Amino acid sequence: AALDINTVRGKPFSWMTDVSWLNCIMLSRENSVFKQLPDELLRNEDAWKSWYAENEPEAMPVPHYESRLSTDMGGGGAFFRMLLVRSLREDRTILCVNEFIRSTDAVETGGARLPGMGPRYVEAATDTVE
């Protein structure tokens, strides 16, 4: 995030890294889907702490947002999940991106449906980052 930890709303949790908090603030400023993300974290700390601590958060239901992400949001649900994982758990970004690519059959843009990359462009991940 291009923010300074000393100039933004204070990080309310010790379990979250400064970088994750700054990414959370930036994501809430730049993306209307996550506009309330810092407030949602505060309202439901236990659920978010549990999600954040998961070994595979990209595969877990996202507190408060899961119903919207699961309905695919006009084809963008997987993309928004990837944004959230990248913002809060950078260590899981590559695996989440691979899953996004695997699950993307097509992209709709400007009224046109373009073929997506899909599973043929991503090799199965056999290693994990620890």
Foldseek 3Di string as FASTA:
>chain_A
DPDDCVPDDHDPDPLADSQLVVLLVVCLVPPVLSVCVVVQCVVCVVQQSVLLPDPASLPDQDPPCRVVLVVCVVVCSLVVSLSNCCSGPVQCNVVSVLVVQQPQQWDDDPNDTGGGNHDVVHDDDPDHDD
